[in-house]
C-alpha atoms as a PDB file:
ATOM      1  CA  MET A   1      10.800  20.156 -34.561  1.00  0.00           C
ATOM      2  CA  GLN A   2      13.893  19.617 -36.687  1.00  0.00           C
ATOM      3  CA  GLY A   3      17.142  20.374 -34.865  1.00  0.00           C
ATOM      4  CA  ARG A   4      15.524  20.161 -31.415  1.00  0.00           C
ATOM      5  CA  ARG A   5      16.051  17.381 -28.949  1.00  0.00           C
ATOM      6  CA  PRO A   6      12.879  15.257 -28.713  1.00  0.00           C
ATOM      7  CA  SER A   7      10.993  14.814 -25.474  1.00  0.00           C
ATOM      8  CA  SER A   8      11.850  11.782 -23.347  1.00  0.00           C
ATOM      9  CA  ALA A   9       8.184  11.056 -22.656  1.00  0.00           C
ATOM     10  CA  SER A  10       5.438   9.532 -24.798  1.00  0.00           C
ATOM     11  CA  PHE A  11       1.794   8.872 -24.105  1.00  0.00           C
ATOM     12  CA  ALA A  12      -0.821   6.355 -25.231  1.00  0.00           C
ATOM     13  CA  PHE A  13      -4.209   7.619 -26.396  1.00  0.00           C
ATOM     14  CA  PRO A  14      -7.452   5.713 -27.060  1.00  0.00           C
ATOM     15  CA  LEU A  15      -7.764   7.263 -30.526  1.00  0.00           C
ATOM     16  CA  PRO A  16      -5.343   8.377 -33.259  1.00  0.00           C
ATOM     17  CA  ALA A  17      -3.575  11.443 -31.884  1.00  0.00           C
ATOM     18  CA  ALA A  18      -0.275  13.286 -31.871  1.00  0.00           C
ATOM     19  CA  TYR A  19       1.339  14.826 -28.806  1.00  0.00           C
ATOM     20  CA  VAL A  20       3.310  18.058 -29.153  1.00  0.00           C
ATOM     21  CA  SER A  21       5.055  20.344 -26.686  1.00  0.00           C
ATOM     22  CA  VAL A  22       3.514  23.564 -25.369  1.00  0.00           C
ATOM     23  CA  GLU A  23       5.820  25.564 -27.626  1.00  0.00           C
ATOM     24  CA  ASP A  24       4.930  23.567 -30.735  1.00  0.00           C
ATOM     25  CA  GLY A  25       1.259  23.697 -29.790  1.00  0.00           C
ATOM     26  CA  GLY A  26       1.466  27.481 -29.564  1.00  0.00           C
ATOM     27  CA  ASN A  27       3.038  27.675 -33.011  1.00  0.00           C
ATOM     28  CA  ILE A  28       0.316  25.448 -34.461  1.00  0.00           C
ATOM     29  CA  TYR A  29      -2.390  27.561 -32.832  1.00  0.00           C
ATOM     30  CA  SER A  30      -0.821  30.756 -34.203  1.00  0.00           C
ATOM     31  CA  TYR A  31      -0.703  29.272 -37.677  1.00  0.00           C
ATOM     32  CA  ILE A  32      -4.369  28.176 -37.519  1.00  0.00           C
ATOM     33  CA  ASN A  33      -5.373  31.719 -36.676  1.00  0.00           C
ATOM     34  CA  SER A  34      -3.137  33.288 -39.306  1.00  0.00           C
ATOM     35  CA  THR A  35      -4.970  31.955 -42.373  1.00  0.00           C
ATOM     36  CA  ARG A  36      -8.517  31.254 -43.514  1.00  0.00           C
ATOM     37  CA  SER A  37      -7.611  27.795 -44.804  1.00  0.00           C
ATOM     38  CA  PRO A  38      -5.060  26.163 -42.506  1.00  0.00           C
ATOM     39  CA  THR A  39      -3.756  22.822 -43.751  1.00  0.00           C
ATOM     40  CA  ALA A  40      -1.562  20.114 -42.308  1.00  0.00           C
ATOM     41  CA  THR A  41       0.244  17.138 -43.790  1.00  0.00           C
ATOM     42  CA  ILE A  42       1.042  13.902 -41.980  1.00  0.00           C
ATOM     43  CA  LEU A  43       4.132  12.437 -43.568  1.00  0.00           C
ATOM     44  CA  LYS A  44       4.988   8.768 -43.783  1.00  0.00           C
ATOM     45  CA  THR A  45       6.904   7.550 -40.736  1.00  0.00           C
ATOM     46  CA  ASN A  46      10.606   7.282 -41.373  1.00  0.00           C
ATOM     47  CA  GLU A  47      13.572   6.197 -39.317  1.00  0.00           C
ATOM     48  CA  ARG A  48      16.145   8.787 -38.336  1.00  0.00           C
ATOM     49  CA  LYS A  49      19.144   8.976 -36.029  1.00  0.00           C
ATOM     50  CA  ASP A  50      18.847  11.094 -32.914  1.00  0.00           C
ATOM     51  CA  PRO A  51      21.923  13.373 -33.132  1.00  0.00           C
ATOM     52  CA  TYR A  52      21.856  13.986 -29.384  1.00  0.00           C
ATOM     53  CA  ALA A  53      21.918  10.321 -28.301  1.00  0.00           C
ATOM     54  CA  PRO A  54      22.920   8.841 -26.007  1.00  0.00           C
ATOM     55  CA  TYR A  55      21.663  11.098 -23.224  1.00  0.00           C
ATOM     56  CA  VAL A  56      19.862  10.644 -19.921  1.00  0.00           C
ATOM     57  CA  ALA A  57      16.126  11.363 -19.830  1.00  0.00           C
ATOM     58  CA  GLU A  58      14.911  14.359 -17.859  1.00  0.00           C
ATOM     59  CA  PHE A  59      12.881  12.176 -15.492  1.00  0.00           C
ATOM     60  CA  SER A  60      15.861  10.077 -14.375  1.00  0.00           C
ATOM     61  CA  SER A  61      17.089  10.711 -10.821  1.00  0.00           C
ATOM     62  CA  ARG A  62      20.378  12.502 -10.251  1.00  0.00           C
ATOM     63  CA  SER A  63      23.049  12.515  -7.558  1.00  0.00           C
ATOM     64  CA  PRO A  64      24.119  13.421  -4.986  1.00  0.00           C
ATOM     65  CA  SER A  65      22.394  10.797  -2.898  1.00  0.00           C
ATOM     66  CA  PRO A  66      20.841  12.347   0.213  1.00  0.00           C
ATOM     67  CA  ALA A  67      21.816   9.205   2.131  1.00  0.00           C
ATOM     68  CA  ALA A  68      25.522   9.290   1.208  1.00  0.00           C
ATOM     69  CA  HIS A  69      26.999  12.276  -0.627  1.00  0.00           C
ATOM     70  CA  ASN A  70      30.319  10.542  -1.218  1.00  0.00           C
ATOM     71  CA  ILE A  71      29.046   7.667  -3.303  1.00  0.00           C
ATOM     72  CA  LEU A  72      28.317   8.172  -6.984  1.00  0.00           C
ATOM     73  CA  LYS A  73      24.843   7.201  -8.125  1.00  0.00           C
ATOM     74  CA  PRO A  74      23.628   6.012 -10.508  1.00  0.00           C
ATOM     75  CA  ASP A  75      26.410   3.485 -11.110  1.00  0.00           C
ATOM     76  CA  LEU A  76      25.666   3.391 -14.831  1.00  0.00           C
ATOM     77  CA  VAL A  77      22.726   3.869 -17.179  1.00  0.00           C
ATOM     78  CA  ALA A  78      20.976   1.668 -19.719  1.00  0.00           C
ATOM     79  CA  LEU A  79      18.254   1.905 -22.356  1.00  0.00           C
ATOM     80  CA  GLY A  80      15.027   3.029 -20.725  1.00  0.00           C
ATOM     81  CA  VAL A  81      12.970   5.147 -23.127  1.00  0.00           C
ATOM     82  CA  GLU A  82      10.438   3.850 -25.673  1.00  0.00           C
ATOM     83  CA  ILE A  83      11.141   0.154 -25.009  1.00  0.00           C
ATOM     84  CA  VAL A  84       8.821  -2.507 -26.460  1.00  0.00           C
ATOM     85  CA  ALA A  85       8.121  -4.734 -23.463  1.00  0.00           C
ATOM     86  CA  ALA A  86       5.703  -7.385 -22.210  1.00  0.00           C
ATOM     87  CA  TRP A  87       2.466  -5.978 -20.789  1.00  0.00           C
ATOM     88  CA  SER A  88      -0.324  -7.508 -18.748  1.00  0.00           C
ATOM     89  CA  PRO A  89      -3.520  -7.725 -20.834  1.00  0.00           C
ATOM     90  CA  ILE A  90      -5.591  -6.808 -17.761  1.00  0.00           C
ATOM     91  CA  SER A  91      -3.703  -3.554 -17.287  1.00  0.00           C
ATOM     92  CA  PRO A  92      -5.046  -0.493 -19.162  1.00  0.00           C
ATOM     93  CA  ILE A  93      -2.990   0.785 -22.072  1.00  0.00           C
ATOM     94  CA  SER A  94      -3.816   4.433 -21.443  1.00  0.00           C
ATOM     95  CA  ASP A  95      -5.074   6.468 -18.487  1.00  0.00           C
ATOM     96  CA  VAL A  96      -8.450   7.033 -20.141  1.00  0.00           C
ATOM     97  CA  SER A  97     -11.248   5.259 -18.257  1.00  0.00           C
ATOM     98  CA  PHE A  98     -13.192   4.065 -21.302  1.00  0.00           C
ATOM     99  CA  ASP A  99     -10.120   2.616 -23.052  1.00  0.00           C
ATOM    100  CA  LYS A 100     -10.743  -1.145 -22.826  1.00  0.00           C
ATOM    101  CA  ARG A 101      -8.020  -2.350 -25.228  1.00  0.00           C
ATOM    102  CA  ALA A 102      -5.943  -5.329 -24.124  1.00  0.00           C
ATOM    103  CA  PHE A 103      -2.441  -6.032 -25.432  1.00  0.00           C
ATOM    104  CA  SER A 104       0.427  -8.325 -24.498  1.00  0.00           C
ATOM    105  CA  TYR A 105       3.036  -5.672 -25.361  1.00  0.00           C
ATOM    106  CA  ASN A 106       3.376  -1.962 -24.822  1.00  0.00           C
ATOM    107  CA  ILE A 107       5.947   0.809 -25.327  1.00  0.00           C
ATOM    108  CA  ILE A 108       7.232   1.783 -21.902  1.00  0.00           C
ATOM    109  CA  LEU A 109       9.812   4.119 -20.392  1.00  0.00           C
ATOM    110  CA  GLY A 110      11.498   4.419 -17.024  1.00  0.00           C
ATOM    111  CA  THR A 111      13.942   2.754 -14.653  1.00  0.00           C
ATOM    112  CA  SER A 112      11.742  -0.341 -14.904  1.00  0.00           C
ATOM    113  CA  MET A 113      12.999  -0.695 -18.476  1.00  0.00           C
ATOM    114  CA  SER A 114      16.688   0.010 -17.745  1.00  0.00           C
ATOM    115  CA  CYS A 115      16.753  -2.616 -14.995  1.00  0.00           C
ATOM    116  CA  PRO A 116      15.972  -5.589 -17.295  1.00  0.00           C
ATOM    117  CA  HIS A 117      18.772  -4.519 -19.641  1.00  0.00           C
ATOM    118  CA  CYS A 118      21.282  -4.510 -16.766  1.00  0.00           C
ATOM    119  CA  SER A 119      19.866  -7.738 -15.309  1.00  0.00           C
ATOM    120  CA  GLY A 120      20.177  -9.528 -18.635  1.00  0.00           C
ATOM    121  CA  ALA A 121      23.771  -8.363 -19.038  1.00  0.00           C
ATOM    122  CA  ALA A 122      24.561  -9.531 -15.491  1.00  0.00           C
ATOM    123  CA  ALA A 123      22.972 -12.954 -16.148  1.00  0.00           C
ATOM    124  CA  TYR A 124      25.052 -13.304 -19.306  1.00  0.00           C
ATOM    125  CA  ILE A 125      28.281 -12.588 -17.396  1.00  0.00           C
ATOM    126  CA  LYS A 126      27.239 -14.969 -14.602  1.00  0.00           C
ATOM    127  CA  SER A 127      26.757 -17.773 -17.139  1.00  0.00           C
ATOM    128  CA  LEU A 128      30.385 -17.350 -18.236  1.00  0.00           C
ATOM    129  CA  HIS A 129      31.816 -16.695 -14.767  1.00  0.00           C
ATOM    130  CA  PRO A 130      29.660 -18.677 -12.308  1.00  0.00           C
ATOM    131  CA  THR A 131      32.027 -18.070  -9.379  1.00  0.00           C
ATOM    132  CA  TRP A 132      31.986 -14.269  -9.677  1.00  0.00           C
ATOM    133  CA  SER A 133      30.244 -12.433  -6.855  1.00  0.00           C
ATOM    134  CA  PRO A 134      27.367 -10.013  -7.529  1.00  0.00           C
ATOM    135  CA  ALA A 135      29.739  -7.119  -6.803  1.00  0.00           C
ATOM    136  CA  THR A 136      32.330  -8.411  -9.271  1.00  0.00           C
ATOM    137  CA  ILE A 137      29.701  -8.769 -11.995  1.00  0.00           C
ATOM    138  CA  LYS A 138      28.386  -5.284 -11.307  1.00  0.00           C
ATOM    139  CA  TYR A 139      31.837  -3.739 -11.383  1.00  0.00           C
ATOM    140  CA  SER A 140      32.796  -5.599 -14.553  1.00  0.00           C
ATOM    141  CA  LEU A 141      29.864  -3.821 -16.198  1.00  0.00           C
ATOM    142  CA  MET A 142      31.070  -0.507 -14.802  1.00  0.00           C
ATOM    143  CA  THR A 143      34.808  -0.551 -15.481  1.00  0.00           C
ATOM    144  CA  THR A 144      35.544  -2.382 -18.721  1.00  0.00           C
ATOM    145  CA  ASN A 145      36.317  -0.356 -21.817  1.00  0.00           C
ATOM    146  CA  ASN A 146      32.844  -1.006 -23.193  1.00  0.00           C
ATOM    147  CA  ILE A 147      31.114   2.036 -21.744  1.00  0.00           C
ATOM    148  CA  VAL A 148      29.520   4.272 -24.364  1.00  0.00           C
ATOM    149  CA  PRO A 149      30.734   7.855 -23.807  1.00  0.00           C
ATOM    150  CA  MET A 150      28.100  10.278 -22.603  1.00  0.00           C
ATOM    151  CA  SER A 151      27.924  14.006 -23.260  1.00  0.00           C
ATOM    152  CA  PRO A 152      27.674  16.177 -20.123  1.00  0.00           C
ATOM    153  CA  GLU A 153      26.179  18.915 -22.313  1.00  0.00           C
ATOM    154  CA  GLU A 154      23.245  16.704 -23.303  1.00  0.00           C
ATOM    155  CA  SER A 155      22.779  14.964 -19.939  1.00  0.00           C
ATOM    156  CA  CYS A 156      22.189  17.536 -17.224  1.00  0.00           C
ATOM    157  CA  GLY A 157      24.270  16.606 -14.195  1.00  0.00           C
ATOM    158  CA  ALA A 158      27.057  14.789 -16.063  1.00  0.00           C
ATOM    159  CA  GLU A 159      28.263  11.850 -13.893  1.00  0.00           C
ATOM    160  CA  PHE A 160      25.493  12.692 -11.420  1.00  0.00           C
ATOM    161  CA  ALA A 161      23.112  11.652 -14.221  1.00  0.00           C
ATOM    162  CA  TYR A 162      24.904   8.718 -15.856  1.00  0.00           C
ATOM    163  CA  GLY A 163      27.580   7.441 -13.439  1.00  0.00           C
ATOM    164  CA  VAL A 164      30.295   5.685 -15.415  1.00  0.00           C
ATOM    165  CA  GLY A 165      28.295   5.895 -18.654  1.00  0.00           C
ATOM    166  CA  ASN A 166      25.920   3.950 -20.867  1.00  0.00           C
ATOM    167  CA  LEU A 167      25.831   0.150 -20.556  1.00  0.00           C
ATOM    168  CA  ASN A 168      27.260  -1.883 -23.411  1.00  0.00           C
ATOM    169  CA  PRO A 169      27.707  -5.502 -22.256  1.00  0.00           C
ATOM    170  CA  HIS A 170      29.686  -6.733 -25.278  1.00  0.00           C
ATOM    171  CA  LYS A 171      33.091  -6.779 -23.534  1.00  0.00           C
ATOM    172  CA  SER A 172      32.149  -6.943 -19.849  1.00  0.00           C
ATOM    173  CA  ALA A 173      32.451 -10.735 -19.808  1.00  0.00           C
ATOM    174  CA  ASN A 174      36.137 -10.328 -20.665  1.00  0.00           C
ATOM    175  CA  SER A 175      37.014  -8.121 -17.719  1.00  0.00           C
ATOM    176  CA  SER A 176      40.694  -8.138 -16.865  1.00  0.00           C
ATOM    177  CA  LEU A 177      40.920  -6.174 -13.630  1.00  0.00           C
ATOM    178  CA  ILE A 178      38.088  -6.170 -11.140  1.00  0.00           C
ATOM    179  CA  TYR A 179      37.074  -4.595  -7.847  1.00  0.00           C
ATOM    180  CA  ASP A 180      35.222  -6.702  -5.312  1.00  0.00           C
ATOM    181  CA  ILE A 181      33.238  -6.132  -2.115  1.00  0.00           C
ATOM    182  CA  ASP A 182      31.900  -8.652   0.377  1.00  0.00           C
ATOM    183  CA  ALA A 183      29.012  -8.440   2.825  1.00  0.00           C
ATOM    184  CA  LEU A 184      31.200  -7.232   5.704  1.00  0.00           C
ATOM    185  CA  ASP A 185      32.220  -4.165   3.700  1.00  0.00           C
ATOM    186  CA  TYR A 186      28.579  -3.204   3.206  1.00  0.00           C
ATOM    187  CA  ILE A 187      27.783  -3.879   6.860  1.00  0.00           C
ATOM    188  CA  ALA A 188      30.565  -1.530   7.966  1.00  0.00           C
ATOM    189  CA  PHE A 189      29.267   1.087   5.534  1.00  0.00           C
ATOM    190  CA  LEU A 190      25.694   0.865   6.854  1.00  0.00           C
ATOM    191  CA  CYS A 191      26.924   1.126  10.424  1.00  0.00           C
ATOM    192  CA  GLY A 192      28.886   4.225   9.473  1.00  0.00           C
ATOM    193  CA  GLN A 193      25.693   5.661   8.000  1.00  0.00           C
ATOM    194  CA  GLY A 194      24.028   5.407  11.420  1.00  0.00           C
ATOM    195  CA  TYR A 195      22.264   2.059  11.207  1.00  0.00           C
ATOM    196  CA  ASN A 196      21.702   0.476  14.603  1.00  0.00           C
ATOM    197  CA  THR A 197      21.630  -3.285  15.151  1.00  0.00           C
ATOM    198  CA  LYS A 198      17.865  -3.568  14.558  1.00  0.00           C
ATOM    199  CA  LEU A 199      17.952  -1.680  11.261  1.00  0.00           C
ATOM    200  CA  LEU A 200      21.090  -3.511  10.153  1.00  0.00           C
ATOM    201  CA  GLN A 201      19.551  -6.931  10.760  1.00  0.00           C
ATOM    202  CA  ALA A 202      16.404  -5.871   8.914  1.00  0.00           C
ATOM    203  CA  VAL A 203      18.624  -5.413   5.846  1.00  0.00           C
ATOM    204  CA  THR A 204      20.914  -8.422   6.260  1.00  0.00           C
ATOM    205  CA  GLY A 205      18.284 -10.861   7.492  1.00  0.00           C
ATOM    206  CA  ASP A 206      20.691 -12.407   9.992  1.00  0.00           C
ATOM    207  CA  ASN A 207      22.310 -11.587  13.334  1.00  0.00           C
ATOM    208  CA  SER A 208      24.910  -9.156  11.968  1.00  0.00           C
ATOM    209  CA  SER A 209      26.213  -6.398  14.196  1.00  0.00           C
ATOM    210  CA  CYS A 210      28.411  -3.373  13.642  1.00  0.00           C
ATOM    211  CA  PRO A 211      32.125  -4.244  13.639  1.00  0.00           C
ATOM    212  CA  LYS A 212      34.420  -2.482  16.056  1.00  0.00           C
ATOM    213  CA  GLY A 213      37.292  -0.279  15.003  1.00  0.00           C
ATOM    214  CA  THR A 214      35.777   1.236  11.864  1.00  0.00           C
ATOM    215  CA  ASP A 215      33.523   4.183  11.161  1.00  0.00           C
ATOM    216  CA  GLY A 216      32.359   2.695   7.882  1.00  0.00           C
ATOM    217  CA  LYS A 217      33.217   5.628   5.631  1.00  0.00           C
ATOM    218  CA  VAL A 218      32.254   5.439   1.972  1.00  0.00           C
ATOM    219  CA  SER A 219      35.930   5.656   1.050  1.00  0.00           C
ATOM    220  CA  ASP A 220      36.424   2.320   2.834  1.00  0.00           C
ATOM    221  CA  LEU A 221      34.255   0.634   0.213  1.00  0.00           C
ATOM    222  CA  ASN A 222      36.240  -0.971  -2.580  1.00  0.00           C
ATOM    223  CA  TYR A 223      34.087   0.911  -5.087  1.00  0.00           C
ATOM    224  CA  PRO A 224      35.060   1.398  -8.757  1.00  0.00           C
ATOM    225  CA  SER A 225      34.011   5.068  -8.794  1.00  0.00           C
ATOM    226  CA  PHE A 226      35.273   7.939  -6.682  1.00  0.00           C
ATOM    227  CA  ALA A 227      32.932  10.681  -5.488  1.00  0.00           C
ATOM    228  CA  LEU A 228      33.944  13.352  -3.004  1.00  0.00           C
ATOM    229  CA  SER A 229      31.783  16.239  -1.785  1.00  0.00           C
ATOM    230  CA  THR A 230      32.937  19.277   0.146  1.00  0.00           C
ATOM    231  CA  PRO A 231      31.490  22.647   1.210  1.00  0.00           C
ATOM    232  CA  SER A 232      32.135  25.232  -1.492  1.00  0.00           C
ATOM    233  CA  SER A 233      34.368  27.268   0.814  1.00  0.00           C
ATOM    234  CA  ASN A 234      36.744  24.384   1.533  1.00  0.00           C
ATOM    235  CA  SER A 235      39.555  22.816  -0.397  1.00  0.00           C
ATOM    236  CA  ILE A 236      39.550  19.116  -1.218  1.00  0.00           C
ATOM    237  CA  SER A 237      41.954  16.675   0.410  1.00  0.00           C
ATOM    238  CA  HIS A 238      41.164  12.981   0.599  1.00  0.00           C
ATOM    239  CA  VAL A 239      42.745   9.545   0.186  1.00  0.00           C
ATOM    240  CA  PHE A 240      40.934   6.481  -1.186  1.00  0.00           C
ATOM    241  CA  ASN A 241      42.318   3.001  -0.487  1.00  0.00           C
ATOM    242  CA  GLN A 242      41.375   0.455  -3.140  1.00  0.00           C
ATOM    243  CA  THR A 243      42.214  -3.114  -4.147  1.00  0.00           C
ATOM    244  CA  VAL A 244      41.956  -4.695  -7.591  1.00  0.00           C
ATOM    245  CA  THR A 245      42.122  -8.345  -8.632  1.00  0.00           C
ATOM    246  CA  ASN A 246      43.702  -9.687 -11.795  1.00  0.00           C
ATOM    247  CA  VAL A 247      41.331 -11.917 -13.796  1.00  0.00           C
ATOM    248  CA  GLY A 248      42.831 -11.246 -17.236  1.00  0.00           C
ATOM    249  CA  THR A 249      46.178 -12.789 -18.173  1.00  0.00           C
ATOM    250  CA  SER A 250      48.485 -14.425 -15.656  1.00  0.00           C
ATOM    251  CA  THR A 251      51.223 -11.835 -16.097  1.00  0.00           C
ATOM    252  CA  SER A 252      50.280  -8.247 -16.835  1.00  0.00           C
ATOM    253  CA  THR A 253      51.410  -4.764 -15.881  1.00  0.00           C
ATOM    254  CA  TYR A 254      48.910  -1.951 -15.528  1.00  0.00           C
ATOM    255  CA  LYS A 255      49.862   1.697 -15.560  1.00  0.00           C
ATOM    256  CA  ALA A 256      47.678   4.432 -14.092  1.00  0.00           C
ATOM    257  CA  LYS A 257      46.478   7.198 -16.404  1.00  0.00           C
ATOM    258  CA  VAL A 258      44.802  10.112 -14.654  1.00  0.00           C
ATOM    259  CA  SER A 259      42.723  12.868 -16.211  1.00  0.00           C
ATOM    260  CA  ALA A 260      42.155  15.854 -13.925  1.00  0.00           C
ATOM    261  CA  PRO A 261      40.792  19.396 -14.396  1.00  0.00           C
ATOM    262  CA  LEU A 262      42.734  22.525 -13.528  1.00  0.00           C
ATOM    263  CA  GLY A 263      42.911  23.170  -9.809  1.00  0.00           C
ATOM    264  CA  LEU A 264      43.013  19.509  -8.796  1.00  0.00           C
ATOM    265  CA  SER A 265      45.951  17.227  -8.155  1.00  0.00           C
ATOM    266  CA  ILE A 266      45.142  13.519  -8.420  1.00  0.00           C
ATOM    267  CA  LYS A 267      47.911  11.041  -7.655  1.00  0.00           C
ATOM    268  CA  VAL A 268      47.947   7.241  -7.679  1.00  0.00           C
ATOM    269  CA  ASN A 269      50.422   5.269  -5.591  1.00  0.00           C
ATOM    270  CA  PRO A 270      51.786   2.989  -6.817  1.00  0.00           C
ATOM    271  CA  SER A 271      51.194   4.128 -10.367  1.00  0.00           C
ATOM    272  CA  VAL A 272      52.196   0.728 -11.763  1.00  0.00           C
ATOM    273  CA  LEU A 273      50.588  -2.593 -10.759  1.00  0.00           C
ATOM    274  CA  PRO A 274      52.637  -5.660 -11.835  1.00  0.00           C
ATOM    275  CA  PHE A 275      50.621  -8.882 -11.656  1.00  0.00           C
ATOM    276  CA  THR A 276      52.385 -12.255 -11.742  1.00  0.00           C
ATOM    277  CA  CYS A 277      49.392 -14.626 -11.544  1.00  0.00           C
ATOM    278  CA  LEU A 278      45.639 -14.840 -11.891  1.00  0.00           C
ATOM    279  CA  LYS A 279      43.461 -13.816  -8.931  1.00  0.00           C
ATOM    280  CA  GLN A 280      46.347 -11.842  -7.456  1.00  0.00           C
ATOM    281  CA  LYS A 281      45.225  -8.771  -5.507  1.00  0.00           C
ATOM    282  CA  LEU A 282      47.150  -5.500  -5.433  1.00  0.00           C
ATOM    283  CA  SER A 283      46.237  -2.316  -3.580  1.00  0.00           C
ATOM    284  CA  PHE A 284      46.706   1.339  -4.390  1.00  0.00           C
ATOM    285  CA  THR A 285      45.825   4.750  -2.990  1.00  0.00           C
ATOM    286  CA  LEU A 286      44.233   7.589  -4.890  1.00  0.00           C
ATOM    287  CA  THR A 287      44.841  11.056  -3.423  1.00  0.00           C
ATOM    288  CA  ILE A 288      42.782  14.090  -4.418  1.00  0.00           C
ATOM    289  CA  GLU A 289      43.860  17.604  -3.425  1.00  0.00           C
ATOM    290  CA  GLY A 290      42.974  21.099  -4.582  1.00  0.00           C
ATOM    291  CA  THR A 291      39.919  23.255  -5.211  1.00  0.00           C
ATOM    292  CA  ILE A 292      37.100  23.327  -7.738  1.00  0.00           C
ATOM    293  CA  ASP A 293      35.250  26.336  -9.112  1.00  0.00           C
ATOM    294  CA  ARG A 294      32.078  24.519 -10.195  1.00  0.00           C
ATOM    295  CA  GLN A 295      29.465  22.377  -8.504  1.00  0.00           C
ATOM    296  CA  ILE A 296      30.784  19.245 -10.195  1.00  0.00           C
ATOM    297  CA  VAL A 297      33.941  18.466 -12.167  1.00  0.00           C
ATOM    298  CA  SER A 298      34.831  15.332 -14.093  1.00  0.00           C
ATOM    299  CA  ALA A 299      38.065  13.388 -13.783  1.00  0.00           C
ATOM    300  CA  SER A 300      39.035   9.760 -14.278  1.00  0.00           C
ATOM    301  CA  LEU A 301      41.496   6.981 -13.514  1.00  0.00           C
ATOM    302  CA  ILE A 302      42.292   4.379 -16.167  1.00  0.00           C
ATOM    303  CA  TRP A 303      44.383   1.275 -15.505  1.00  0.00           C
ATOM    304  CA  ASP A 304      45.918   0.324 -18.855  1.00  0.00           C
ATOM    305  CA  ASP A 305      48.046  -2.712 -19.784  1.00  0.00           C
ATOM    306  CA  CYS A 306      48.048  -1.811 -23.522  1.00  0.00           C
ATOM    307  CA  THR A 307      45.329  -4.431 -24.122  1.00  0.00           C
ATOM    308  CA  PHE A 308      42.670  -3.703 -21.525  1.00  0.00           C
ATOM    309  CA  GLN A 309      41.572  -0.386 -20.070  1.00  0.00           C
ATOM    310  CA  VAL A 310      39.743  -0.280 -16.741  1.00  0.00           C
ATOM    311  CA  ARG A 311      38.163   3.120 -16.146  1.00  0.00           C
ATOM    312  CA  SER A 312      36.818   4.706 -12.958  1.00  0.00           C
ATOM    313  CA  PRO A 313      35.219   8.166 -12.871  1.00  0.00           C
ATOM    314  CA  ILE A 314      36.412  10.653 -10.266  1.00  0.00           C
ATOM    315  CA  VAL A 315      33.769  13.235  -9.355  1.00  0.00           C
ATOM    316  CA  PRO A 316      34.622  15.984  -6.844  1.00  0.00           C
ATOM    317  CA  CYS A 317      31.674  18.281  -6.124  1.00  0.00           C
ATOM    318  CA  THR A 318      30.518  21.059  -3.803  1.00  0.00           C
ATOM    319  CA  PHE A 319      27.266  21.200  -1.849  1.00  0.00           C
END
């Protein structure tokens, strides 16, 4: 199995066993039948670096979201494969009926393991910034220059698989430029998605109603990632209106740096954001125009003040 990417899945067995792929199993079977005295050696376990990491497991869900094509999901990814985690002793370790072992820990994989990593990082940021809203905390995790780069070649779907990238909470608590969203923004979005008053109130738990004068488009959300879908036969033309808040140093000047593939024009106006005090809000527009020749292309916007870099992915796609 040297040189091949390992499987994302593992299994527990009630007796000592090894799990191999169908291909490896076929090779083992061929070898057994090729000699009168087949032998095998189990080597001592040793630690090695996965040359393909980090990548997103095959079982992880991918965009586009069927509910809203123009919003990038997942937002980000975190560790979720082969995690040592607490386990209920009354829950079976394996799926074998006669396996009666009871343990307080198990090795688990899935979104249920990524979520605690993100939750712990969010709690850490909240302890340092108790007045930050849930949206601000989330977006600080998404935009600070702490994201571990991901390889689109190793993670099928690129940003549709990993969003902004792999969580690394080390610098998120020192965010300098943040996006924020309040409840009314989400209410307008849900109304634009077709929610009636009954469905809306089932989500909000209060007497909210759809505001007048807005269609609640995804581009109205002050979201720190930009996704835009279009039929393959059409060209792309869209404007996003965003607002950022300075929480870094009292005076700072951010310049926009855009990375765009051939065929697309991405412009930011204004391209320079001069902040003169903390908590100051400044708005900008991001305009995307052109055509793409693939299902998904990757671009990005980085606000840079020579000390901090705040990155947002831009993901035009066809459907």
